[in-house]
């Protein structure tokens, strides 16, 4: 029998070839001569196919069928964003039988129970459902990593160039956290900080930095601009009149999109609720959060002083 006839999802198992009558030495010669790629001990990818993420997951699952794709590997299949890029060399699985300590090279195995409803099929793989995946991240932490993924899953997002709808709800994630597992209480506490209106990982982290600093602005605050349009600000300290916008990584790309962006902010600044607008990049949020917090605190202080002077009749400087 030809080796390609034994392939499943682009993967050939050495054990399957041996069962089909291939002698070990003849098999190894054929694999080398035809250009097969070894991805795990006992698993090969057929010639002409890239050793991409899904194929490597499939190879592990074919070798150890009881393993279920989970955690950060599952977020990639669900197109859920993470705070830091998923490590390409690490694949994560759950062993529901709680016995396996190693799944092979570059494979991290979590020994955890799985309920019948926790496992679904995605891209031909057995994977934890989106709500169970997020519950696992919330239980394990860290907080910021987990909440970036939770808020990504709860909203419309463009991930990997694909626009996708929300993949679960906060109620389903909360239900998944009711299972009596280690870290469940911490996970429930973290979930309470989630904002289903967050628009990007940078917005999530910015809000958490503000929260840690004791600052509680409105998120996705709705305004009506002078031209009658409805606009949403990332953050608004309504009492002081301070708006804060977080700019993502994406470059606007064209003169027209840049013009629209400038026009939008000019309109926002004409709203009576906004006395001052501060804008920060994702790099500011991730790498210079202290600077961002200090500037926001200083701006709030100036606006409060201005308000007190106005109320007391003192002319503005």
Protein backbone atom coordinates (compact mmCIF):
# COMPACT_ATOMS: atom_id res chain seq x y z
CA UNK A 1 0.00 0.00 0.00
CA UNK A 2 1.27 3.48 -0.88
CA UNK A 3 2.14 5.69 2.08
CA UNK A 4 -0.17 8.49 0.94
CA UNK A 5 -3.12 6.11 1.19
CA UNK A 6 -2.44 5.87 4.94
CA UNK A 7 -2.47 9.63 5.55
CA UNK A 8 -5.11 11.28 7.74
CA UNK A 9 -5.38 15.05 7.58
CA UNK A 10 -1.91 15.29 6.05
CA UNK A 11 -0.35 13.14 8.81
CA UNK A 12 1.10 9.65 8.55
CA UNK A 13 1.61 7.61 11.70
CA UNK A 14 4.54 5.20 11.69
CA UNK A 15 2.35 2.67 13.53
CA UNK A 16 -0.24 2.77 10.74
CA UNK A 17 2.39 2.14 8.07
CA UNK A 18 3.80 -0.78 10.06
CA UNK A 19 0.31 -2.25 10.45
CA UNK A 20 -0.11 -1.98 6.68
CA UNK A 21 2.97 -4.17 6.19
CA UNK A 22 5.82 -1.71 5.83
CA UNK A 23 9.09 -2.94 7.30
CA UNK A 24 10.84 -0.40 9.52
CA UNK A 25 13.94 -0.01 7.33
CA UNK A 26 11.96 0.21 4.08
CA UNK A 27 9.62 2.73 5.67
CA UNK A 28 12.41 5.02 6.81
CA UNK A 29 14.06 4.90 3.38
CA UNK A 30 10.77 5.78 1.66
CA UNK A 31 10.06 8.64 4.07
CA UNK A 32 13.48 10.14 3.44
CA UNK A 33 13.42 9.61 -0.32
CA UNK A 34 9.94 11.14 -0.78
CA UNK A 35 10.54 14.13 1.49
CA UNK A 36 8.23 13.48 4.44
CA UNK A 37 8.63 15.80 7.46
CA UNK A 38 8.86 14.34 10.97
CA UNK A 39 6.90 16.43 13.47
CA UNK A 40 6.67 14.07 16.44
CA UNK A 41 8.16 10.70 17.23
CA UNK A 42 5.98 8.42 15.15
CA UNK A 43 4.25 11.13 13.09
CA UNK A 44 5.14 12.53 9.66
CA UNK A 45 3.65 15.24 7.44
CA UNK A 46 3.19 14.38 3.79
CA UNK A 47 5.44 15.97 1.14
CA UNK A 48 4.20 19.35 -0.12
CA UNK A 49 2.28 20.21 3.04
CA UNK A 50 3.49 22.84 5.51
CA UNK A 51 3.95 21.84 9.14
CA UNK A 52 1.35 24.43 10.10
CA UNK A 53 -0.29 24.85 13.49
CA UNK A 54 -3.41 22.77 12.85
CA UNK A 55 -1.45 19.93 11.25
CA UNK A 56 0.95 19.72 14.20
CA UNK A 57 -2.00 19.63 16.57
CA UNK A 58 -3.53 16.85 14.50
CA UNK A 59 -0.31 14.84 14.62
CA UNK A 60 -0.29 14.90 18.43
CA UNK A 61 -3.97 14.05 18.64
CA UNK A 62 -3.58 11.11 16.26
CA UNK A 63 -0.71 9.78 18.36
CA UNK A 64 -2.64 10.25 21.62
CA UNK A 65 -6.36 10.37 20.78
CA UNK A 66 -7.49 11.12 24.32
CA UNK A 67 -5.75 14.52 24.31
CA UNK A 68 -7.96 17.56 23.75
CA UNK A 69 -6.62 20.84 22.33
CA UNK A 70 -6.91 23.46 25.08
CA UNK A 71 -5.80 26.77 26.61
CA UNK A 72 -3.80 29.03 24.27
CA UNK A 73 -3.81 26.48 21.46
CA UNK A 74 -7.60 26.42 21.62
CA UNK A 75 -7.80 30.24 21.49
CA UNK A 76 -5.99 30.14 18.15
CA UNK A 77 -8.55 27.72 16.70
CA UNK A 78 -11.42 29.89 17.98
CA UNK A 79 -9.74 33.06 16.64
CA UNK A 80 -9.58 34.53 20.12
CA UNK A 81 -6.86 37.12 20.68
CA UNK A 82 -4.20 36.73 23.36
CA UNK A 83 -2.08 39.36 25.06
CA UNK A 84 1.16 37.98 23.66
CA UNK A 85 1.56 35.95 20.47
CA UNK A 86 1.09 32.25 20.97
CA UNK A 87 4.43 30.46 21.14
CA UNK A 88 4.60 28.66 17.80
CA UNK A 89 6.64 25.84 19.28
CA UNK A 90 4.26 25.03 22.14
CA UNK A 91 1.06 23.04 21.74
CA UNK A 92 -1.35 22.76 24.69
CA UNK A 93 -3.69 19.87 25.44
CA UNK A 94 -5.77 18.52 28.31
CA UNK A 95 -5.52 14.88 29.36
CA UNK A 96 -8.90 14.11 30.96
CA UNK A 97 -7.58 10.80 32.25
CA UNK A 98 -5.14 12.79 34.45
CA UNK A 99 -2.20 10.45 33.84
CA UNK A 100 -0.12 11.68 30.92
CA UNK A 101 2.89 13.78 31.89
CA UNK A 102 4.36 14.44 28.45
CA UNK A 103 2.78 14.62 25.02
CA UNK A 104 6.00 14.86 23.03
CA UNK A 105 8.38 17.55 21.89
CA UNK A 106 6.92 21.04 22.36
CA UNK A 107 3.70 19.70 23.86
CA UNK A 108 2.33 20.94 27.20
CA UNK A 109 -0.21 18.61 28.80
CA UNK A 110 -2.63 19.81 31.49
CA UNK A 111 -4.10 17.02 33.60
CA UNK A 112 -7.68 18.20 34.21
CA UNK A 113 -11.17 16.69 34.14
CA UNK A 114 -13.44 17.41 31.19
CA UNK A 115 -17.21 17.21 31.11
CA UNK A 116 -19.12 15.74 28.18
CA UNK A 117 -20.14 19.22 27.02
CA UNK A 118 -16.65 20.68 27.29
CA UNK A 119 -15.32 19.12 24.09
CA UNK A 120 -16.33 20.03 20.53
CA UNK A 121 -14.86 19.60 17.07
CA UNK A 122 -13.15 22.52 15.36
CA UNK A 123 -11.15 22.22 12.12
CA UNK A 124 -11.39 18.46 12.47
CA UNK A 125 -9.82 18.48 15.95
CA UNK A 126 -11.21 17.71 19.40
CA UNK A 127 -10.93 21.00 21.26
CA UNK A 128 -12.33 22.57 24.41
CA UNK A 129 -15.35 24.75 23.68
CA UNK A 130 -14.84 28.50 23.77
CA UNK A 131 -16.46 28.94 27.20
CA UNK A 132 -14.41 26.11 28.74
CA UNK A 133 -11.24 27.45 27.09
CA UNK A 134 -11.78 30.88 28.64
CA UNK A 135 -12.63 29.40 32.03
CA UNK A 136 -9.33 27.50 31.96
CA UNK A 137 -7.44 30.71 31.17
CA UNK A 138 -9.24 32.61 33.93
CA UNK A 139 -8.45 29.90 36.47
CA UNK A 140 -4.80 29.69 35.48
CA UNK A 141 -4.11 33.42 34.98
CA UNK A 142 -2.34 35.74 34.77
CA UNK A 143 -5.25 38.16 35.00
CA UNK A 144 -4.37 40.43 32.07
CA UNK A 145 -3.68 37.50 29.73
CA UNK A 146 -7.01 35.90 30.59
CA UNK A 147 -9.10 39.07 30.31
CA UNK A 148 -7.66 40.02 26.93
CA UNK A 149 -8.86 36.65 25.63
CA UNK A 150 -12.23 36.85 27.39
CA UNK A 151 -13.02 40.30 26.03
CA UNK A 152 -11.86 39.31 22.56
CA UNK A 153 -14.21 36.31 22.62
CA UNK A 154 -17.21 38.37 23.77
CA UNK A 155 -17.06 40.92 20.95
CA UNK A 156 -16.83 41.22 17.18
CA UNK A 157 -13.16 41.21 16.23
CA UNK A 158 -10.89 40.96 13.21
CA UNK A 159 -8.36 38.23 14.00
CA UNK A 160 -5.82 36.97 11.48
CA UNK A 161 -7.48 39.06 8.79
CA UNK A 162 -10.88 37.42 9.42
CA UNK A 163 -13.87 39.29 10.84
CA UNK A 164 -15.73 37.05 13.27
CA UNK A 165 -18.73 37.30 15.56
CA UNK A 166 -18.60 36.78 19.34
CA UNK A 167 -17.82 33.14 20.06
CA UNK A 168 -19.45 32.86 23.51
CA UNK A 169 -21.14 34.89 26.25
CA UNK A 170 -20.11 36.03 29.70
CA UNK A 171 -22.94 33.93 31.15
CA UNK A 172 -21.57 30.73 29.58
CA UNK A 173 -18.05 31.50 30.79
CA UNK A 174 -19.41 32.12 34.28
CA UNK A 175 -21.24 28.79 34.14
CA UNK A 176 -18.02 27.00 33.11
CA UNK A 177 -16.30 28.52 36.15
CA UNK A 178 -18.78 26.88 38.52
CA UNK A 179 -16.98 23.54 38.21
CA UNK A 180 -15.12 22.77 41.45
CA UNK A 181 -11.59 23.09 40.12
CA UNK A 182 -8.40 24.70 41.37
CA UNK A 183 -8.36 28.43 40.68
CA UNK A 184 -12.13 28.69 40.21
CA UNK A 185 -12.58 31.40 42.84
CA UNK A 186 -9.77 33.50 41.34
CA UNK A 187 -11.24 32.96 37.90
CA UNK A 188 -14.66 34.21 38.99
CA UNK A 189 -13.06 37.29 40.50
CA UNK A 190 -11.19 38.01 37.27
CA UNK A 191 -14.30 37.56 35.17
CA UNK A 192 -16.04 40.34 37.15
CA UNK A 193 -13.49 42.77 35.67
CA UNK A 194 -14.40 41.88 32.08
CA UNK A 195 -15.96 44.56 29.87
CA UNK A 196 -17.88 43.09 26.89
CA UNK A 197 -17.60 46.43 25.07
CA UNK A 198 -13.81 46.47 24.87
CA UNK A 199 -12.60 46.86 21.30
CA UNK A 200 -9.00 45.61 21.38
CA UNK A 201 -6.33 44.04 23.60
CA UNK A 202 -4.80 47.49 24.08
CA UNK A 203 -8.12 48.84 25.37
CA UNK A 204 -8.44 45.91 27.77
CA UNK A 205 -4.98 46.44 29.22
CA UNK A 206 -5.44 50.22 29.40
CA UNK A 207 -8.65 49.78 31.39
CA UNK A 208 -6.94 47.35 33.76
CA UNK A 209 -4.06 49.78 34.29
CA UNK A 210 -6.57 52.53 35.07
CA UNK A 211 -8.43 50.18 37.42
CA UNK A 212 -5.23 49.27 39.26
CA UNK A 213 -4.50 53.00 39.64
CA UNK A 214 -7.92 53.58 41.23
CA UNK A 215 -9.33 55.37 38.17
CA UNK A 216 -12.84 54.44 37.02
CA UNK A 217 -13.81 56.10 33.73
CA UNK A 218 -16.81 55.11 31.62
CA UNK A 219 -15.89 52.62 28.90
CA UNK A 220 -17.20 53.06 25.36
CA UNK A 221 -19.02 56.22 26.42
CA UNK A 222 -21.64 57.34 23.89
CA UNK A 223 -21.69 60.94 22.66
CA UNK A 224 -23.59 62.90 20.03
CA UNK A 225 -21.32 65.09 17.92
CA UNK A 226 -22.39 68.47 16.46
CA UNK A 227 -23.02 66.80 13.09
CA UNK A 228 -25.56 64.50 14.76
CA UNK A 229 -23.48 61.34 14.65
CA UNK A 230 -23.21 58.86 17.49
CA UNK A 231 -19.60 58.39 18.62
CA UNK A 232 -18.10 56.10 21.24
CA UNK A 233 -15.07 57.06 23.28
CA UNK A 234 -12.80 54.38 24.69
CA UNK A 235 -12.83 56.10 28.09
CA UNK A 236 -14.55 59.18 29.45
CA UNK A 237 -14.14 60.83 32.84
CA UNK A 238 -17.49 62.58 32.46
CA UNK A 239 -17.36 64.73 35.59
CA UNK A 240 -14.03 66.26 34.57
CA UNK A 241 -14.60 66.23 30.81
CA UNK A 242 -11.52 64.12 30.01
CA UNK A 243 -11.68 61.69 27.10
CA UNK A 244 -9.01 59.03 26.55
CA UNK A 245 -8.60 57.15 23.27
CA UNK A 246 -6.36 54.14 22.65
CA UNK A 247 -4.98 53.75 19.16
CA UNK A 248 -4.35 50.24 17.85
CA UNK A 249 -1.33 49.00 15.94
CA UNK A 250 -2.95 49.20 12.52
CA UNK A 251 -1.85 52.06 10.29
CA UNK A 252 -4.73 53.85 8.56
CA UNK A 253 -3.05 53.33 5.20
CA UNK A 254 -4.76 55.91 2.99
CA UNK A 255 -5.18 59.66 2.95
CA UNK A 256 -8.95 59.25 3.08
CA UNK A 257 -8.92 57.07 6.19
CA UNK A 258 -6.50 59.48 7.86
CA UNK A 259 -8.78 62.40 6.93
CA UNK A 260 -11.78 60.60 8.43
CA UNK A 261 -9.82 59.92 11.61
CA UNK A 262 -8.87 63.59 12.00
CA UNK A 263 -12.46 64.68 11.31
CA UNK A 264 -13.76 62.25 13.94
CA UNK A 265 -11.53 63.63 16.67
CA UNK A 266 -12.32 67.21 15.69
CA UNK A 267 -16.01 66.41 16.06
CA UNK A 268 -15.45 64.72 19.43
CA UNK A 269 -13.62 67.78 20.73
CA UNK A 270 -16.67 69.91 19.89
CA UNK A 271 -18.90 67.84 22.15
CA UNK A 272 -19.78 69.76 25.34
CA UNK A 273 -18.89 66.68 27.45
CA UNK A 274 -15.27 66.75 26.27
CA UNK A 275 -12.93 69.47 27.51
CA UNK A 276 -9.71 67.57 26.81
CA UNK A 277 -8.81 64.54 24.70
CA UNK A 278 -5.73 62.40 25.32
CA UNK A 279 -4.65 59.76 22.80
CA UNK A 280 -2.27 56.86 23.48
CA UNK A 281 -0.80 54.18 21.30
CA UNK A 282 -0.80 50.47 22.04
CA UNK A 283 2.94 50.79 22.66
CA UNK A 284 2.22 53.39 25.36
CA UNK A 285 -0.26 51.04 27.02
CA UNK A 286 1.98 47.97 26.92
CA UNK A 287 5.39 49.53 27.49
CA UNK A 288 4.84 52.95 29.11
CA UNK A 289 1.74 52.55 31.30
CA UNK A 290 3.18 54.62 34.16
CA UNK A 291 3.61 57.60 31.85
CA UNK A 292 0.01 57.21 30.63
CA UNK A 293 -1.38 57.03 34.17
CA UNK A 294 0.67 60.05 35.31
CA UNK A 295 -0.54 62.15 32.39
CA UNK A 296 -4.16 61.18 32.97
CA UNK A 297 -3.89 61.96 36.68
CA UNK A 298 -2.32 65.34 35.91
CA UNK A 299 -4.99 66.16 33.34
CA UNK A 300 -7.77 65.23 35.77
CA UNK A 301 -6.21 67.44 38.44
CA UNK A 302 -6.00 70.43 36.07
CA UNK A 303 -9.59 69.97 34.91
CA UNK A 304 -10.84 69.73 38.50
CA UNK A 305 -8.94 72.89 39.44
CA UNK A 306 -10.39 74.64 36.41
CA UNK A 307 -13.87 73.55 37.46
CA UNK A 308 -13.41 74.83 41.02
CA UNK A 309 -12.10 78.16 39.73
CA UNK A 310 -15.06 78.46 37.39
CA UNK A 311 -17.49 77.71 40.21
CA UNK A 312 -15.83 80.30 42.45
CA UNK A 313 -15.83 82.96 39.75
CA UNK A 314 -12.04 83.06 39.36
CA UNK A 315 -11.14 83.88 35.72
CA UNK A 316 -9.39 81.08 33.86
CA UNK A 317 -5.68 81.75 33.31
